[in-house]
N, C-alpha and C. Protein backbone atom coordinates (compact mmCIF):
# COMPACT_ATOMS: atom_id res chain seq x y z
N MET A 1 -55.30 -1.23 -23.91
CA MET A 1 -54.30 -0.30 -24.02
C MET A 1 -53.69 -0.12 -22.74
N MET A 2 -52.32 0.03 -22.56
CA MET A 2 -51.66 0.28 -21.25
C MET A 2 -51.58 1.84 -21.15
N ARG A 3 -51.98 1.99 -19.84
CA ARG A 3 -51.55 3.50 -19.42
C ARG A 3 -50.33 3.78 -19.18
N LYS A 4 -49.83 5.13 -19.23
CA LYS A 4 -48.52 5.35 -18.79
C LYS A 4 -48.13 5.01 -17.39
N ASN A 5 -49.09 5.07 -16.51
CA ASN A 5 -48.80 4.85 -15.09
C ASN A 5 -48.71 3.36 -14.96
N ASP A 6 -49.34 2.51 -15.85
CA ASP A 6 -49.21 1.09 -15.73
C ASP A 6 -47.84 0.71 -16.23
N ALA A 7 -47.55 1.24 -17.23
CA ALA A 7 -46.09 0.84 -17.75
C ALA A 7 -44.92 1.20 -16.69
N GLY A 8 -45.25 2.32 -16.06
CA GLY A 8 -44.17 2.74 -15.08
C GLY A 8 -44.19 1.88 -13.89
N LEU A 9 -45.28 1.24 -13.48
CA LEU A 9 -45.35 0.31 -12.34
C LEU A 9 -44.84 -1.00 -12.75
N ILE A 10 -44.99 -1.43 -13.97
CA ILE A 10 -44.36 -2.66 -14.51
C ILE A 10 -42.92 -2.50 -14.57
N LEU A 11 -42.28 -1.33 -15.06
CA LEU A 11 -40.92 -1.04 -15.22
C LEU A 11 -40.37 -1.02 -13.88
N ALA A 12 -41.04 -0.42 -12.90
CA ALA A 12 -40.47 -0.26 -11.42
C ALA A 12 -40.49 -1.72 -10.91
N GLY A 13 -41.26 -2.39 -11.15
CA GLY A 13 -41.27 -3.92 -10.71
C GLY A 13 -40.23 -4.68 -11.37
N LEU A 14 -40.09 -4.58 -12.48
CA LEU A 14 -38.89 -5.27 -13.14
C LEU A 14 -37.53 -4.90 -12.42
N VAL A 15 -37.36 -3.57 -12.49
CA VAL A 15 -36.05 -3.08 -11.84
C VAL A 15 -35.85 -3.51 -10.44
N GLY A 16 -36.86 -3.49 -9.70
CA GLY A 16 -36.95 -4.03 -8.26
C GLY A 16 -36.61 -5.52 -8.18
N THR A 17 -37.21 -6.25 -9.12
CA THR A 17 -36.82 -7.71 -9.21
C THR A 17 -35.42 -7.94 -9.56
N LEU A 18 -34.79 -7.21 -10.40
CA LEU A 18 -33.31 -7.14 -10.77
C LEU A 18 -32.55 -6.98 -9.80
N VAL A 19 -32.86 -5.84 -9.10
CA VAL A 19 -31.92 -5.20 -7.88
C VAL A 19 -32.04 -6.36 -6.97
N LEU A 20 -33.09 -6.78 -6.50
CA LEU A 20 -33.15 -7.88 -5.30
C LEU A 20 -32.56 -9.08 -5.55
N SER A 21 -32.60 -9.44 -7.00
CA SER A 21 -32.02 -10.84 -7.30
C SER A 21 -30.67 -10.75 -7.22
N GLY A 22 -30.10 -9.52 -7.29
CA GLY A 22 -28.69 -9.28 -7.21
C GLY A 22 -28.12 -9.32 -5.84
N CYS A 23 -29.12 -9.06 -4.84
CA CYS A 23 -28.65 -8.99 -3.42
C CYS A 23 -28.35 -10.27 -2.74
N GLY A 24 -28.71 -11.31 -3.38
CA GLY A 24 -28.49 -12.53 -2.60
C GLY A 24 -27.13 -13.02 -2.63
N GLY A 25 -26.42 -12.49 -3.72
CA GLY A 25 -24.79 -12.67 -3.81
C GLY A 25 -24.57 -14.11 -3.99
N ASN A 26 -23.39 -14.67 -3.75
CA ASN A 26 -22.93 -15.99 -3.90
C ASN A 26 -23.34 -16.81 -2.62
N SER A 27 -24.00 -17.86 -2.85
CA SER A 27 -24.44 -18.56 -1.69
C SER A 27 -23.62 -19.63 -1.04
N GLN A 28 -22.41 -19.79 -1.74
CA GLN A 28 -21.34 -20.64 -1.28
C GLN A 28 -20.92 -20.17 0.03
N PRO A 29 -20.94 -21.08 1.03
CA PRO A 29 -20.11 -20.50 2.29
C PRO A 29 -18.96 -20.51 2.23
N ALA A 30 -18.15 -19.30 2.61
CA ALA A 30 -16.83 -19.27 2.54
C ALA A 30 -16.00 -20.38 3.10
N ASN A 31 -16.30 -20.88 4.35
CA ASN A 31 -15.53 -22.00 4.93
C ASN A 31 -15.51 -23.26 4.06
N THR A 32 -16.37 -23.40 2.91
CA THR A 32 -16.24 -24.44 1.92
C THR A 32 -15.13 -24.31 0.98
N LEU A 33 -14.37 -23.19 0.85
CA LEU A 33 -13.37 -22.90 0.03
C LEU A 33 -12.22 -23.80 0.37
N PRO A 34 -11.34 -24.13 -0.46
CA PRO A 34 -10.04 -24.83 -0.33
C PRO A 34 -9.18 -23.86 0.81
N ASP A 35 -8.41 -24.64 1.59
CA ASP A 35 -7.48 -23.84 2.53
C ASP A 35 -6.93 -22.70 1.52
N GLY A 36 -6.73 -21.66 2.20
CA GLY A 36 -6.01 -20.47 1.68
C GLY A 36 -6.46 -19.20 2.19
N ASP A 37 -5.52 -18.19 1.43
CA ASP A 37 -5.87 -16.62 1.99
C ASP A 37 -6.86 -16.11 0.90
N TYR A 38 -7.77 -15.40 1.11
CA TYR A 38 -8.85 -14.79 0.06
C TYR A 38 -9.05 -13.39 0.45
N THR A 39 -9.05 -12.70 -0.72
CA THR A 39 -9.30 -11.21 -0.76
C THR A 39 -10.24 -10.86 -1.77
N GLY A 40 -11.21 -9.87 -1.31
CA GLY A 40 -12.18 -9.42 -2.26
C GLY A 40 -12.50 -8.01 -1.80
N GLN A 41 -13.14 -7.36 -2.97
CA GLN A 41 -13.34 -6.05 -2.99
C GLN A 41 -14.83 -5.85 -3.28
N SER A 42 -15.64 -4.94 -2.47
CA SER A 42 -16.99 -4.80 -2.65
C SER A 42 -17.23 -3.93 -3.89
N SER A 43 -18.45 -4.07 -4.36
CA SER A 43 -18.85 -3.07 -5.36
C SER A 43 -18.67 -1.70 -4.76
N ILE A 44 -18.52 -0.60 -5.71
CA ILE A 44 -18.26 0.82 -5.14
C ILE A 44 -19.59 1.45 -5.05
N GLU A 45 -19.91 1.95 -3.89
CA GLU A 45 -21.23 2.58 -3.77
C GLU A 45 -21.17 4.06 -4.61
N SER A 46 -22.41 4.76 -4.79
CA SER A 46 -22.42 5.97 -5.56
C SER A 46 -21.59 6.96 -5.03
N ASP A 47 -21.36 7.01 -3.68
CA ASP A 47 -20.45 8.11 -3.25
C ASP A 47 -18.90 7.71 -3.20
N GLY A 48 -18.62 6.52 -3.78
CA GLY A 48 -17.17 6.06 -4.07
C GLY A 48 -16.82 5.15 -2.87
N THR A 49 -17.67 5.08 -1.70
CA THR A 49 -17.23 4.16 -0.68
C THR A 49 -17.04 2.72 -1.27
N TYR A 50 -16.04 2.05 -0.62
CA TYR A 50 -15.94 0.47 -0.94
C TYR A 50 -15.36 -0.30 0.12
N GLY A 51 -15.43 -1.60 0.36
CA GLY A 51 -14.71 -2.20 1.28
C GLY A 51 -13.84 -3.46 0.90
N ILE A 52 -13.03 -3.76 1.53
CA ILE A 52 -12.06 -4.82 1.31
C ILE A 52 -12.03 -5.84 2.47
N VAL A 53 -12.14 -6.94 1.92
CA VAL A 53 -12.08 -8.18 3.11
C VAL A 53 -11.07 -9.21 2.87
N ASN A 54 -10.54 -9.36 3.82
CA ASN A 54 -9.45 -10.68 3.75
C ASN A 54 -9.86 -11.75 4.76
N PHE A 55 -9.72 -12.91 4.35
CA PHE A 55 -9.88 -14.01 5.25
C PHE A 55 -9.11 -15.23 4.85
N VAL A 56 -8.90 -16.11 5.86
CA VAL A 56 -8.04 -17.25 5.62
C VAL A 56 -8.96 -18.43 6.06
N VAL A 57 -9.03 -19.59 5.20
CA VAL A 57 -9.77 -20.63 5.44
C VAL A 57 -8.75 -21.82 5.62
N SER A 58 -9.00 -22.51 6.82
CA SER A 58 -8.16 -23.73 7.20
C SER A 58 -8.94 -24.73 7.70
N ASP A 59 -8.92 -25.89 7.11
CA ASP A 59 -9.64 -27.13 7.54
C ASP A 59 -11.18 -26.78 7.69
N GLY A 60 -11.80 -26.07 6.72
CA GLY A 60 -13.18 -25.83 6.94
C GLY A 60 -13.46 -24.69 7.91
N ASP A 61 -12.57 -24.07 8.45
CA ASP A 61 -12.88 -22.94 9.37
C ASP A 61 -12.28 -21.60 8.73
N ILE A 62 -12.92 -20.48 9.23
CA ILE A 62 -12.32 -19.15 8.88
C ILE A 62 -11.51 -18.88 10.25
N VAL A 63 -10.23 -18.83 9.83
CA VAL A 63 -9.29 -18.78 11.09
C VAL A 63 -8.89 -17.28 11.30
N ASP A 64 -9.11 -16.42 10.26
CA ASP A 64 -8.67 -15.01 10.47
C ASP A 64 -9.45 -14.39 9.50
N ALA A 65 -9.90 -12.91 9.80
CA ALA A 65 -10.51 -12.33 8.81
C ALA A 65 -10.40 -10.83 9.19
N SER A 66 -10.51 -9.97 8.13
CA SER A 66 -10.67 -8.41 8.50
C SER A 66 -11.44 -7.77 7.37
N PHE A 67 -11.96 -6.71 7.72
CA PHE A 67 -12.88 -5.99 6.73
C PHE A 67 -12.65 -4.48 7.13
N VAL A 68 -12.42 -3.76 6.09
CA VAL A 68 -12.10 -2.30 6.08
C VAL A 68 -12.84 -1.64 4.92
N MET A 69 -13.65 -0.60 5.41
CA MET A 69 -14.17 0.18 4.36
C MET A 69 -13.26 1.40 4.08
N TYR A 70 -13.39 2.05 2.87
CA TYR A 70 -12.57 3.05 2.40
C TYR A 70 -13.43 4.23 1.73
N ASP A 71 -12.88 5.43 1.97
CA ASP A 71 -13.50 6.56 1.11
C ASP A 71 -12.89 6.53 -0.25
N PRO A 72 -13.55 7.20 -1.19
CA PRO A 72 -12.84 7.31 -2.58
C PRO A 72 -11.38 7.56 -2.59
N ASP A 73 -10.96 8.47 -1.64
CA ASP A 73 -9.54 8.86 -1.77
C ASP A 73 -8.66 7.89 -0.97
N GLY A 74 -9.22 6.79 -0.44
CA GLY A 74 -8.41 5.59 0.10
C GLY A 74 -8.30 5.86 1.62
N THR A 75 -8.91 6.81 2.25
CA THR A 75 -9.05 7.01 3.75
C THR A 75 -9.76 5.79 4.33
N PRO A 76 -9.09 5.08 5.18
CA PRO A 76 -9.71 3.81 5.81
C PRO A 76 -10.79 4.36 6.85
N HIS A 77 -11.89 3.79 6.94
CA HIS A 77 -12.86 3.94 8.04
C HIS A 77 -12.35 3.09 9.39
N ASP A 78 -11.74 3.75 10.23
CA ASP A 78 -11.08 3.06 11.40
C ASP A 78 -11.26 3.91 12.50
N GLU A 79 -10.79 3.74 13.74
CA GLU A 79 -11.05 4.45 14.98
C GLU A 79 -10.78 5.82 14.83
N SER A 80 -10.09 6.34 13.99
CA SER A 80 -9.94 7.83 13.77
C SER A 80 -10.80 8.45 12.82
N TYR A 81 -11.55 7.53 12.23
CA TYR A 81 -12.43 8.03 11.10
C TYR A 81 -13.44 9.16 11.61
N GLY A 82 -13.47 10.26 11.03
CA GLY A 82 -14.42 11.20 11.58
C GLY A 82 -13.72 12.33 12.33
N LEU A 83 -12.55 12.07 12.76
CA LEU A 83 -11.98 13.12 13.67
C LEU A 83 -11.03 14.16 12.66
N GLY A 84 -11.06 15.31 13.17
CA GLY A 84 -10.34 16.30 12.41
C GLY A 84 -8.92 16.09 12.61
N SER A 85 -8.19 17.09 11.96
CA SER A 85 -6.54 17.10 12.15
C SER A 85 -6.22 17.10 13.48
N ASN A 86 -7.13 17.85 14.36
CA ASN A 86 -6.70 18.20 15.82
C ASN A 86 -7.01 16.91 16.73
N GLY A 87 -7.49 15.92 16.00
CA GLY A 87 -7.82 14.77 16.75
C GLY A 87 -9.12 14.71 17.45
N LYS A 88 -10.11 15.78 17.33
CA LYS A 88 -11.38 15.94 17.85
C LYS A 88 -12.34 15.75 16.69
N PRO A 89 -13.48 15.31 17.08
CA PRO A 89 -14.55 15.32 16.03
C PRO A 89 -15.09 16.75 15.56
N ALA A 90 -14.96 16.75 14.28
CA ALA A 90 -15.39 18.05 13.62
C ALA A 90 -16.97 18.10 13.69
N ASP A 91 -17.58 16.93 13.48
CA ASP A 91 -19.17 16.94 13.70
C ASP A 91 -19.28 15.70 14.58
N GLN A 92 -19.79 16.02 15.77
CA GLN A 92 -19.89 14.90 16.93
C GLN A 92 -21.08 13.74 16.40
N GLU A 93 -22.01 14.25 15.55
CA GLU A 93 -23.14 13.25 15.12
C GLU A 93 -22.51 12.45 14.12
N PHE A 94 -21.68 12.95 13.35
CA PHE A 94 -21.08 12.24 12.11
C PHE A 94 -20.11 11.15 12.85
N TYR A 95 -19.27 11.62 13.67
CA TYR A 95 -18.39 10.83 14.38
C TYR A 95 -19.05 9.62 14.91
N GLN A 96 -20.12 10.07 15.77
CA GLN A 96 -20.79 8.82 16.64
C GLN A 96 -21.33 7.81 15.40
N ARG A 97 -21.92 8.19 14.42
CA ARG A 97 -22.58 7.28 13.40
C ARG A 97 -21.35 6.36 12.83
N ALA A 98 -20.33 7.19 12.46
CA ALA A 98 -19.05 6.47 11.93
C ALA A 98 -18.61 5.32 12.80
N GLN A 99 -18.34 5.71 14.17
CA GLN A 99 -17.84 4.79 15.06
C GLN A 99 -18.94 3.56 15.27
N ASN A 100 -20.12 3.97 15.34
CA ASN A 100 -21.08 2.81 15.35
C ASN A 100 -21.03 1.83 14.13
N ALA A 101 -20.87 2.27 13.01
CA ALA A 101 -20.54 1.63 11.72
C ALA A 101 -19.39 0.62 12.00
N ILE A 102 -18.32 1.20 12.36
CA ILE A 102 -17.00 0.48 12.72
C ILE A 102 -17.18 -0.67 13.55
N ALA A 103 -18.03 -0.37 14.61
CA ALA A 103 -18.28 -1.37 15.68
C ALA A 103 -19.09 -2.51 14.87
N ALA A 104 -19.96 -2.09 14.04
CA ALA A 104 -20.72 -3.18 13.28
C ALA A 104 -19.97 -3.92 12.59
N GLU A 105 -18.92 -3.33 11.84
CA GLU A 105 -18.00 -4.16 10.96
C GLU A 105 -17.16 -5.04 11.66
N LYS A 106 -16.72 -4.75 12.96
CA LYS A 106 -15.89 -5.56 13.73
C LYS A 106 -16.89 -6.86 14.26
N GLN A 107 -18.22 -6.53 14.50
CA GLN A 107 -19.08 -7.60 14.86
C GLN A 107 -19.25 -8.58 13.66
N TYR A 108 -19.36 -8.04 12.40
CA TYR A 108 -19.59 -8.88 11.17
C TYR A 108 -18.31 -9.77 11.06
N VAL A 109 -17.17 -9.23 11.24
CA VAL A 109 -15.92 -9.98 11.27
C VAL A 109 -15.99 -11.16 12.24
N SER A 110 -16.23 -10.83 13.47
CA SER A 110 -16.23 -11.81 14.47
C SER A 110 -17.28 -12.82 14.32
N GLU A 111 -18.40 -12.49 13.87
CA GLU A 111 -19.59 -13.41 13.55
C GLU A 111 -19.16 -14.35 12.39
N PHE A 112 -18.40 -13.72 11.48
CA PHE A 112 -18.02 -14.45 10.13
C PHE A 112 -16.86 -15.66 10.58
N ILE A 113 -16.05 -15.17 11.48
CA ILE A 113 -15.14 -16.16 11.88
C ILE A 113 -15.67 -17.31 12.78
N GLU A 114 -16.58 -16.94 13.59
CA GLU A 114 -17.32 -17.73 14.43
C GLU A 114 -18.22 -18.89 13.49
N VAL A 115 -19.07 -18.36 12.57
CA VAL A 115 -19.94 -19.32 11.94
C VAL A 115 -19.32 -19.76 10.65
N GLY A 116 -18.42 -19.06 9.96
CA GLY A 116 -17.73 -19.44 8.73
C GLY A 116 -18.48 -19.37 7.46
N ASP A 117 -19.80 -18.95 7.62
CA ASP A 117 -20.67 -18.68 6.47
C ASP A 117 -21.32 -17.43 6.53
N GLN A 118 -20.90 -16.56 5.57
CA GLN A 118 -21.21 -15.28 5.43
C GLN A 118 -22.70 -15.08 5.27
N THR A 119 -23.36 -16.12 4.83
CA THR A 119 -24.86 -15.87 4.70
C THR A 119 -25.60 -16.01 6.27
N GLN A 120 -24.91 -16.41 7.24
CA GLN A 120 -25.44 -16.60 8.50
C GLN A 120 -24.90 -15.42 9.32
N VAL A 121 -24.31 -14.36 8.84
CA VAL A 121 -23.87 -13.20 9.65
C VAL A 121 -25.21 -12.21 9.53
N GLU A 122 -25.71 -11.71 10.59
CA GLU A 122 -26.87 -10.89 10.70
C GLU A 122 -26.37 -9.44 10.46
N ALA A 123 -27.25 -8.65 9.92
CA ALA A 123 -26.94 -7.30 9.72
C ALA A 123 -27.34 -6.67 11.18
N VAL A 124 -26.49 -5.35 11.47
CA VAL A 124 -26.70 -4.79 12.66
C VAL A 124 -27.29 -3.38 12.34
N ALA A 125 -28.33 -3.17 13.17
CA ALA A 125 -28.98 -1.76 12.88
C ALA A 125 -27.91 -0.52 12.92
N GLY A 126 -28.04 0.22 11.99
CA GLY A 126 -26.92 1.37 11.78
C GLY A 126 -25.80 0.96 11.19
N GLY A 127 -25.78 -0.25 10.57
CA GLY A 127 -24.59 -0.77 9.86
C GLY A 127 -25.08 -1.43 8.64
N SER A 128 -26.04 -0.98 7.89
CA SER A 128 -26.43 -1.74 6.77
C SER A 128 -25.57 -1.46 5.57
N LEU A 129 -25.10 -0.17 5.40
CA LEU A 129 -23.99 -0.18 4.18
C LEU A 129 -22.91 -0.86 4.70
N SER A 130 -22.35 -1.00 5.70
CA SER A 130 -21.16 -1.73 6.07
C SER A 130 -21.45 -3.21 5.83
N TYR A 131 -22.65 -3.83 6.13
CA TYR A 131 -23.23 -5.09 5.86
C TYR A 131 -23.14 -5.31 4.41
N ARG A 132 -23.81 -4.57 3.65
CA ARG A 132 -23.86 -4.84 2.18
C ARG A 132 -22.31 -4.91 1.73
N LEU A 133 -21.59 -3.93 1.90
CA LEU A 133 -20.27 -4.00 1.34
C LEU A 133 -19.32 -5.05 1.92
N PHE A 134 -19.59 -5.44 3.07
CA PHE A 134 -19.04 -6.76 3.75
C PHE A 134 -19.36 -8.02 2.80
N ARG A 135 -20.68 -8.24 2.56
CA ARG A 135 -21.08 -9.34 1.82
C ARG A 135 -20.58 -9.29 0.48
N SER A 136 -20.68 -8.20 -0.11
CA SER A 136 -20.22 -8.01 -1.42
C SER A 136 -18.82 -8.32 -1.67
N ALA A 137 -18.00 -8.05 -0.66
CA ALA A 137 -16.53 -8.02 -0.94
C ALA A 137 -16.22 -9.74 -0.57
N ILE A 138 -17.07 -10.41 0.33
CA ILE A 138 -16.92 -11.86 0.43
C ILE A 138 -17.31 -12.59 -0.84
N ASP A 139 -18.39 -12.15 -1.45
CA ASP A 139 -18.86 -12.65 -2.75
C ASP A 139 -17.90 -12.47 -3.73
N ASP A 140 -17.15 -11.31 -3.83
CA ASP A 140 -16.13 -11.10 -4.94
C ASP A 140 -14.84 -12.20 -4.52
N ALA A 141 -14.52 -12.18 -3.19
CA ALA A 141 -13.44 -13.11 -3.01
C ALA A 141 -13.68 -14.54 -3.35
N ILE A 142 -14.95 -14.94 -3.18
CA ILE A 142 -15.30 -16.29 -3.68
C ILE A 142 -15.37 -16.51 -5.12
N ALA A 143 -15.95 -15.41 -5.75
CA ALA A 143 -15.92 -15.58 -7.22
C ALA A 143 -14.55 -15.49 -7.92
N ASN A 144 -13.64 -14.75 -7.23
CA ASN A 144 -12.25 -14.84 -7.77
C ASN A 144 -11.48 -16.13 -7.41
N ALA A 145 -11.98 -16.98 -6.42
CA ALA A 145 -11.51 -18.23 -5.92
C ALA A 145 -11.79 -19.34 -6.92
N ALA A 146 -12.75 -19.09 -7.80
CA ALA A 146 -13.27 -20.13 -8.69
C ALA A 146 -12.43 -20.20 -9.90
């Protein structure tokens, strides 16, 4: 007879397996796509945050790329993200975290252009949400290309 705790552990293991199996995303390197412009939108986080990636493939290289995250209301996460209407941070700690994440996003784009394969882009400490949405958006662009 299975105890209630055993059933809970089994259920947790199954859910974990399903979640982790979805984290691998599409393994096709973006630079293997035919020449063209590609756009993808990430999955939407529980807080409504999402990301959009655009990239251009030419002769097996990623020759241009951009990635921007957005709040649910469409506010882009850019250099002014976290600033109040007066142009100053309302919350210095939040502003610093936001700007660190934006720096990580720029690093992801730069590395993606350099290597051409999103699976070779490494996550940056403090930018894990950005990384997850970046990869999700690229996977969406690849899926839409098929």
